[in-house]
Structure formats: C-alpha cells, structure tokens
C-alpha atoms as a PDB file:
ATOM      1  CA  MET A   1     -41.802 367.174 -25.595  1.00  0.00           C
ATOM      2  CA  TYR A   2     -40.483 368.868 -22.223  1.00  0.00           C
ATOM      3  CA  GLN A   3     -37.109 367.576 -22.710  1.00  0.00           C
ATOM      4  CA  GLU A   4     -36.982 368.502 -26.432  1.00  0.00           C
ATOM      5  CA  ALA A   5     -38.397 372.042 -25.867  1.00  0.00           C
ATOM      6  CA  PHE A   6     -35.367 372.875 -23.611  1.00  0.00           C
ATOM      7  CA  ARG A   7     -32.712 371.871 -26.124  1.00  0.00           C
ATOM      8  CA  HIS A   8     -32.569 375.175 -28.162  1.00  0.00           C
ATOM      9  CA  ILE A   9     -31.759 376.908 -24.876  1.00  0.00           C
ATOM     10  CA  LYS A  10     -28.309 374.909 -24.973  1.00  0.00           C
ATOM     11  CA  ASN A  11     -27.771 375.657 -28.500  1.00  0.00           C
ATOM     12  CA  LEU A  12     -25.014 378.221 -28.836  1.00  0.00           C
ATOM     13  CA  ASN A  13     -25.857 379.163 -32.262  1.00  0.00           C
ATOM     14  CA  LEU A  14     -29.431 379.544 -31.776  1.00  0.00           C
ATOM     15  CA  GLN A  15     -28.964 381.590 -28.598  1.00  0.00           C
ATOM     16  CA  THR A  16     -26.391 383.941 -30.405  1.00  0.00           C
ATOM     17  CA  GLU A  17     -28.697 384.432 -33.264  1.00  0.00           C
ATOM     18  CA  LEU A  18     -31.534 385.445 -30.593  1.00  0.00           C
ATOM     19  CA  LEU A  19     -29.096 387.496 -28.937  1.00  0.00           C
ATOM     20  CA  GLU A  20     -28.357 389.424 -32.058  1.00  0.00           C
ATOM     21  CA  ALA A  21     -32.050 389.743 -33.078  1.00  0.00           C
ATOM     22  CA  LEU A  22     -32.946 391.206 -29.646  1.00  0.00           C
ATOM     23  CA  GLU A  23     -30.060 393.680 -29.867  1.00  0.00           C
ATOM     24  CA  TRP A  24     -27.772 391.834 -27.513  1.00  0.00           C
ATOM     25  CA  ASP A  25     -30.217 392.059 -24.567  1.00  0.00           C
ATOM     26  CA  GLN A  26     -29.597 388.890 -22.508  1.00  0.00           C
ATOM     27  CA  ASP A  27     -32.679 389.643 -20.225  1.00  0.00           C
ATOM     28  CA  ALA A  28     -34.953 389.686 -23.438  1.00  0.00           C
ATOM     29  CA  VAL A  29     -33.207 386.285 -24.447  1.00  0.00           C
ATOM     30  CA  ASP A  30     -34.146 384.907 -21.140  1.00  0.00           C
ATOM     31  CA  GLU A  31     -37.677 386.427 -21.244  1.00  0.00           C
ATOM     32  CA  PHE A  32     -38.258 384.870 -24.992  1.00  0.00           C
ATOM     33  CA  ASN A  33     -36.811 381.407 -23.965  1.00  0.00           C
ATOM     34  CA  GLU A  34     -39.388 381.386 -20.941  1.00  0.00           C
ATOM     35  CA  TRP A  35     -42.250 382.561 -23.220  1.00  0.00           C
ATOM     36  CA  PHE A  36     -41.214 380.115 -25.909  1.00  0.00           C
ATOM     37  CA  VAL A  37     -41.262 377.060 -23.597  1.00  0.00           C
ATOM     38  CA  ASN A  38     -44.586 378.228 -22.145  1.00  0.00           C
ATOM     39  CA  CYS A  39     -45.999 378.430 -25.583  1.00  0.00           C
ATOM     40  CA  LEU A  40     -44.542 374.896 -26.447  1.00  0.00           C
ATOM     41  CA  ASN A  41     -46.316 373.452 -23.038  1.00  0.00           C
ATOM     42  CA  ALA A  42     -49.558 375.027 -24.168  1.00  0.00           C
ATOM     43  CA  SER A  43     -49.589 372.877 -27.118  1.00  0.00           C
ATOM     44  CA  TYR A  44     -50.164 375.550 -29.892  1.00  0.00           C
ATOM     45  CA  SER A  45     -50.351 374.523 -33.441  1.00  0.00           C
ATOM     46  CA  PRO A  46     -47.167 375.303 -35.381  1.00  0.00           C
ATOM     47  CA  ASP A  47     -49.271 378.023 -37.362  1.00  0.00           C
ATOM     48  CA  ALA A  48     -50.706 379.377 -34.057  1.00  0.00           C
ATOM     49  CA  LEU A  49     -47.211 379.358 -32.511  1.00  0.00           C
ATOM     50  CA  LEU A  50     -45.681 381.453 -35.409  1.00  0.00           C
ATOM     51  CA  GLN A  51     -48.487 383.777 -35.367  1.00  0.00           C
ATOM     52  CA  ASN A  52     -48.156 384.400 -31.897  1.00  0.00           C
ATOM     53  CA  VAL A  53     -44.466 384.781 -32.222  1.00  0.00           C
ATOM     54  CA  MET A  54     -44.871 387.294 -35.008  1.00  0.00           C
ATOM     55  CA  THR A  55     -47.285 389.307 -32.980  1.00  0.00           C
ATOM     56  CA  VAL A  56     -45.246 389.415 -29.598  1.00  0.00           C
ATOM     57  CA  TRP A  57     -41.571 389.203 -30.912  1.00  0.00           C
ATOM     58  CA  GLY A  58     -41.835 390.217 -34.474  1.00  0.00           C
ATOM     59  CA  GLU A  59     -40.459 388.706 -37.953  1.00  0.00           C
ATOM     60  CA  ASP A  60     -36.658 388.138 -37.028  1.00  0.00           C
ATOM     61  CA  ILE A  61     -37.528 386.257 -34.043  1.00  0.00           C
ATOM     62  CA  VAL A  62     -39.907 384.089 -36.523  1.00  0.00           C
ATOM     63  CA  ILE A  63     -37.154 383.249 -38.645  1.00  0.00           C
ATOM     64  CA  ILE A  64     -35.311 382.020 -35.536  1.00  0.00           C
ATOM     65  CA  VAL A  65     -38.064 379.978 -34.315  1.00  0.00           C
ATOM     66  CA  LYS A  66     -38.393 378.114 -37.666  1.00  0.00           C
ATOM     67  CA  LYS A  67     -34.646 377.117 -37.141  1.00  0.00           C
ATOM     68  CA  ILE A  68     -35.312 376.057 -33.573  1.00  0.00           C
ATOM     69  CA  ILE A  69     -38.479 373.914 -34.805  1.00  0.00           C
ATOM     70  CA  LYS A  70     -36.386 372.358 -37.530  1.00  0.00           C
ATOM     71  CA  SER A  71     -33.399 371.668 -34.835  1.00  0.00           C
ATOM     72  CA  GLU A  72     -35.938 370.101 -32.423  1.00  0.00           C
ATOM     73  CA  ILE A  73     -37.269 367.617 -35.469  1.00  0.00           C
ATOM     74  CA  ASP A  74     -33.828 366.978 -36.441  1.00  0.00           C
ATOM     75  CA  ASN A  75     -32.734 366.055 -32.581  1.00  0.00           C
ATOM     76  CA  ILE A  76     -35.902 363.916 -32.331  1.00  0.00           C
ATOM     77  CA  LYS A  77     -35.150 361.985 -35.326  1.00  0.00           C
ATOM     78  CA  ASP A  78     -31.569 361.707 -34.232  1.00  0.00           C
ATOM     79  CA  ASP A  79     -32.843 360.388 -30.888  1.00  0.00           C
ATOM     80  CA  LYS A  80     -35.165 357.737 -32.526  1.00  0.00           C
ATOM     81  CA  ILE A  81     -32.340 356.379 -34.669  1.00  0.00           C
ATOM     82  CA  LYS A  82     -30.318 356.336 -31.618  1.00  0.00           C
ATOM     83  CA  GLU A  83     -32.994 354.327 -29.556  1.00  0.00           C
ATOM     84  CA  ALA A  84     -33.497 351.919 -32.349  1.00  0.00           C
ATOM     85  CA  ARG A  85     -29.709 351.030 -32.567  1.00  0.00           C
ATOM     86  CA  VAL A  86     -29.773 350.591 -28.739  1.00  0.00           C
ATOM     87  CA  TYR A  87     -32.864 348.374 -29.153  1.00  0.00           C
ATOM     88  CA  HIS A  88     -31.472 346.115 -31.677  1.00  0.00           C
ATOM     89  CA  GLU A  89     -28.107 345.739 -30.210  1.00  0.00           C
ATOM     90  CA  ASP A  90     -27.656 342.488 -28.408  1.00  0.00           C
END
C-alpha cells in the first residue's frame, strides 16, 4: 500500500482541496500528509481511520479523505487493468 498511499500527495486537485480546507496553510497540509501516511501504514480499518481523521482534523478533512480513498481505489483498479493487459500481450 506504500506506493498507493503516496499518490494523493501528487494529486493537485486533492492537495488544493486540502489547502483550502486548512485555510491555505501549506505547513498544515504537509503535517496532514505525513500524519495520513502514518495512519495508512498503521493499517487502521476504514472506519477507525475516518473516526481518527474526524477527531484530529475535523469534518471538512473527512470529506477529502473519502475522496482520497476513492481515488486510491480507482488507481489500484486501473493498475490491475494495466497489469492484466501487459501480462496478456505477447
């Protein structure tokens, strides 16, 4: 999950949403990104992760985290499709 966990950091739309939600404070966004990756590495369940985000960062960030999770799921599906195509091409 490490590689997928970092993709949201490169997603300009998600980073802009985080910046806006955190009142355009880049240090806060950097802190969130580090905190979020640590949570992912700790293997929280999705419900525990969202509850933790709510407690530490608030409802606005929970909404963005849901988008991050959806984006990661979509990326993983896309990767699987690409892998299948490469595997079956001769």
